[in-house]
Protein backbone atom coordinates (compact mmCIF):
# COMPACT_ATOMS: atom_id res chain seq x y z
CA MET A 1 1.09 18.76 45.03
CA LYS A 2 4.67 17.48 45.17
CA THR A 3 5.31 13.74 45.19
CA CYS A 4 7.73 11.71 47.28
CA LEU A 5 8.76 8.09 47.03
CA VAL A 6 9.84 6.66 50.39
CA VAL A 7 12.24 3.75 49.88
CA ASP A 8 13.02 1.73 53.00
CA ASP A 9 12.82 -1.94 53.93
CA SER A 10 11.37 -0.99 57.33
CA LYS A 11 7.60 -0.69 57.23
CA VAL A 12 7.75 1.41 60.42
CA ILE A 13 10.14 3.94 58.87
CA ARG A 14 7.98 4.14 55.75
CA LYS A 15 4.90 4.76 57.91
CA VAL A 16 6.61 7.49 59.98
CA ALA A 17 8.04 9.17 56.88
CA ARG A 18 4.66 9.00 55.12
CA HIS A 19 2.95 10.68 58.06
CA ILE A 20 5.53 13.49 58.21
CA LEU A 21 5.53 14.04 54.45
CA GLU A 22 1.74 14.13 54.25
CA THR A 23 1.71 16.88 56.91
CA LEU A 24 4.10 18.75 54.58
CA ASP A 25 1.57 18.40 51.72
CA PHE A 26 3.34 15.65 49.77
CA GLN A 27 1.61 12.85 47.92
CA VAL A 28 3.53 9.78 49.10
CA ASP A 29 4.28 6.42 47.52
CA GLU A 30 6.37 3.66 49.10
CA ALA A 31 8.82 0.96 48.06
CA ALA A 32 10.48 -1.71 50.22
CA ASP A 33 13.73 -1.97 48.22
CA GLY A 34 15.64 -0.34 45.39
CA ARG A 35 14.30 -2.67 42.68
CA GLU A 36 10.70 -1.89 43.62
CA ALA A 37 11.59 1.81 43.77
CA LEU A 38 13.12 1.75 40.30
CA ASP A 39 9.94 0.13 38.97
CA ARG A 40 7.82 2.84 40.66
CA CYS A 41 10.00 5.57 39.14
CA GLY A 42 9.48 3.97 35.73
CA GLU A 43 5.73 4.30 36.23
CA SER A 44 5.80 7.85 37.56
CA MET A 45 8.90 9.89 38.43
CA PRO A 46 8.54 11.53 41.86
CA ASP A 47 9.75 15.01 42.80
CA VAL A 48 11.69 13.63 45.77
CA VAL A 49 13.04 10.22 46.80
CA LEU A 50 13.65 9.59 50.51
CA LEU A 51 16.12 6.73 50.33
CA ASP A 52 17.48 4.17 52.80
CA TRP A 53 21.04 2.93 52.35
CA ASN A 54 20.89 -0.71 53.48
CA MET A 55 18.13 -2.75 51.85
CA PRO A 56 17.75 -6.23 50.40
CA VAL A 57 17.45 -6.90 46.65
CA MET A 58 18.96 -3.52 45.63
CA SER A 59 20.71 -1.14 48.04
CA GLY A 60 20.12 2.59 48.15
CA MET A 61 23.42 3.27 46.39
CA GLU A 62 22.64 0.73 43.65
CA PHE A 63 19.21 2.31 43.20
CA LEU A 64 20.62 5.83 43.05
CA CYS A 65 23.22 4.91 40.44
CA ALA A 66 20.54 3.15 38.34
CA LEU A 67 18.02 5.99 38.77
CA ARG A 68 20.43 8.63 37.50
CA THR A 69 20.85 6.69 34.21
CA VAL A 70 17.17 6.27 33.26
CA PRO A 71 15.18 8.88 31.28
CA GLY A 72 14.03 11.56 33.74
CA GLY A 73 16.14 10.03 36.50
CA THR A 74 18.21 13.14 37.03
CA GLN A 75 15.07 15.08 37.93
CA PRO A 76 14.12 13.83 41.43
CA LYS A 77 15.85 15.27 44.45
CA VAL A 78 17.29 12.35 46.43
CA VAL A 79 17.62 12.55 50.20
CA PHE A 80 19.47 9.63 51.77
CA CYS A 81 17.86 8.74 55.08
CA THR A 82 20.03 6.28 56.96
CA THR A 83 22.01 5.29 60.03
CA GLU A 84 25.24 5.34 57.99
CA ASN A 85 26.91 8.49 59.26
CA GLY A 86 30.58 8.17 58.34
CA ARG A 87 32.11 10.92 56.23
CA THR A 88 32.98 8.36 53.53
CA HIS A 89 29.34 7.21 53.30
CA ILE A 90 28.07 10.77 53.05
CA GLN A 91 30.64 11.68 50.40
CA ALA A 92 29.90 8.50 48.43
CA ALA A 93 26.18 9.34 48.43
CA ILE A 94 26.80 12.90 47.23
CA ASP A 95 29.26 11.69 44.58
CA ALA A 96 26.65 9.19 43.33
CA GLY A 97 24.06 11.94 42.86
CA ALA A 98 22.30 12.36 46.21
CA ASP A 99 21.16 15.90 46.93
CA GLU A 100 21.01 15.71 50.72
CA TYR A 101 21.51 13.39 53.68
CA VAL A 102 19.48 12.94 56.88
CA MET A 103 20.23 10.67 59.82
CA LYS A 104 17.77 8.22 61.40
CA PRO A 105 15.95 8.76 63.61
CA PHE A 106 14.59 11.97 62.11
CA ASP A 107 11.72 14.26 63.04
CA ARG A 108 9.42 16.54 61.10
CA GLU A 109 11.57 19.64 61.58
CA THR A 110 14.75 17.91 60.40
CA LEU A 111 13.11 16.41 57.33
CA HIS A 112 11.37 19.68 56.49
CA SER A 113 14.69 21.52 56.74
CA LYS A 114 16.41 19.03 54.40
CA LEU A 115 13.57 19.28 51.89
CA GLN A 116 13.83 23.07 51.98
CA MET A 117 17.57 22.78 51.32
CA VAL A 118 16.89 20.88 48.09
CA GLY A 119 14.08 23.24 47.07
CA CYS A 120 11.17 20.87 47.62
CA ALA A 121 9.37 22.22 50.66
């Protein structure tokens, strides 16, 4: 079973994402900010990280840059999941090592499609 770490400061978004991912046969873990997510990745590296952009403590971009430098951190597919939709934000995420980008709000079909695009569904 593939694993996914959902990183978002919104408990509601984490709950919705968890539900969708579990219907897609993922084992799901959650983190409320980038620091917590980095700690979780240190314990067990997921196959996929569904990542919010704007969070307290450590932003999605800060987390992504840190993740890509730790042992095994180049392995997970990272899908940014955010309301930031400007071309500069999307390009910055890709340049930092994100594999895909999905806009909030998202539904099962959209998320499934993005996960297929990165080879994880």
